[in-house]
Every structure is written in C-alpha cells, then in structure tokens.
Protein backbone atom coordinates (compact mmCIF):
# COMPACT_ATOMS: atom_id res chain seq x y z
CA ALA A 1 -3.57 7.45 15.17
CA SER A 2 -3.44 4.22 13.14
CA SER A 3 -4.51 6.14 10.02
CA ARG A 4 -1.23 8.08 10.31
CA ALA A 5 0.91 4.91 10.28
CA SER A 6 3.73 5.13 7.79
CA ILE A 7 3.50 3.04 4.66
CA THR A 8 6.42 0.65 4.31
CA ILE A 9 7.93 -1.23 1.39
CA ARG A 10 6.44 -4.39 2.92
CA ASP A 11 2.96 -2.82 2.75
CA ILE A 12 3.46 -2.00 -0.93
CA LEU A 13 4.64 -5.53 -1.71
CA THR A 14 1.78 -7.11 0.26
CA ALA A 15 -0.78 -5.02 -1.62
CA SER A 16 0.80 -5.82 -4.97
CA GLN A 17 0.67 -9.60 -4.37
CA GLN A 18 -2.96 -9.52 -5.52
CA GLN A 19 -1.91 -8.03 -8.88
CA PRO A 20 -0.25 -9.82 -11.79
CA ALA A 21 3.51 -9.30 -11.66
CA PRO A 22 4.53 -6.49 -14.01
CA GLN A 23 7.36 -7.23 -16.42
CA HIS A 24 9.36 -4.05 -15.90
CA GLY A 25 8.87 -2.54 -12.46
CA TYR A 26 6.34 -2.19 -9.68
CA GLN A 27 2.74 -1.06 -9.86
CA CYS A 28 0.95 1.29 -7.50
CA VAL A 29 -2.16 -0.69 -6.59
CA SER A 30 -4.18 2.49 -6.13
CA CYS A 31 -3.64 4.29 -9.46
CA CYS A 32 -2.10 1.39 -11.46
CA ARG A 33 0.93 3.44 -12.57
CA LEU A 34 4.16 1.51 -13.12
CA PHE A 35 7.46 2.51 -11.50
CA PRO A 36 10.97 1.13 -12.04
CA THR A 37 11.82 0.59 -8.33
CA LEU A 38 10.06 0.03 -5.01
CA TRP A 39 11.61 3.27 -3.78
CA SER A 40 9.99 5.20 -6.64
CA VAL A 41 6.58 3.67 -5.79
CA LYS A 42 6.99 4.66 -2.15
CA THR A 43 8.02 8.19 -3.12
CA HIS A 44 5.02 8.40 -5.45
CA ILE A 45 2.68 7.29 -2.65
CA GLN A 46 4.13 9.81 -0.20
CA HIS A 47 3.72 12.68 -2.69
CA SER A 48 0.64 11.44 -4.56
CA SER A 49 -1.58 14.32 -3.42
CA GLN A 50 0.79 16.79 -5.08
CA GLU A 51 0.35 14.83 -8.33
CA GLY A 52 -3.45 14.79 -8.05
CA TYR A 53 -3.77 11.19 -6.80
CA SER A 54 -5.09 9.81 -3.52
CA CYS A 55 -2.74 6.80 -3.33
CA LYS A 56 -1.49 7.69 0.15
CA VAL A 57 -5.04 7.64 1.49
CA TYR A 58 -5.69 4.31 -0.24
CA TYR A 59 -2.60 2.63 1.26
CA ARG A 60 -3.28 4.05 4.73
CA ARG A 61 -6.83 2.71 4.67
CA LEU A 62 -5.63 -0.62 3.33
CA LYS A 63 -3.06 -0.86 6.12
CA ALA A 64 -5.71 0.01 8.72
CA LEU A 65 -7.98 -2.73 7.34
CA TRP A 66 -5.12 -5.24 7.54
CA GLY A 67 -4.57 -4.22 11.16
CA LYS A 68 -8.24 -4.75 12.00
CA GLU A 69 -8.25 -8.08 10.19
CA HIS A 70 -5.10 -9.18 12.03
CA SER A 71 -6.59 -8.13 15.39
CA GLY A 72 -9.80 -9.99 14.58
CA GLN A 73 -7.86 -13.17 13.75
CA LYS A 74 -5.96 -12.97 17.04
CA ALA A 75 -9.21 -12.53 18.99
CA ALA A 76 -10.86 -15.47 17.20
CA ALA A 77 -7.94 -17.83 17.87
CA PRO A 78 -8.61 -20.28 20.73
C-alpha cells in the first residue's frame, strides 16, 4: 500500500535538494530532465511510463525508503 502513495511537490523538492540547483527550472532526479515549473515535473513523473521513463517508480521507491528511514529514527529515539 505504501508503494502506491502519491508523490507530492514536497517529495520532489526533498529529492532535488541533493542536486545542484538548476539555473532555469527544476530537474527530475530520476531521468535528469529539466522542467520550467514544479507542476511540469510532477506531471512528467505521473506520466513518465507513457514517455518511456520509470521516474514514477523511482520516486515511489524513494518515498518508501524515506518512510522506512523515518520509522527507524522514531524507533531508535529514547
């Protein structure tokens, strides 16, 4: 069920924090394509399989890993 979680703008921004800031737009961390707006990145991710990319799978797995990491940090806290 967690693998079906929707990808949000916050997820895209969190993933992109590890990348150098592009000068003119936002970069899909999965395929490295540049887009002019966050909305266009999100649309690309949602329809990436139709374009021959697996970006949606990448972001879903990344979000699942963040969830596991977050749960692990909560469990380790005293």
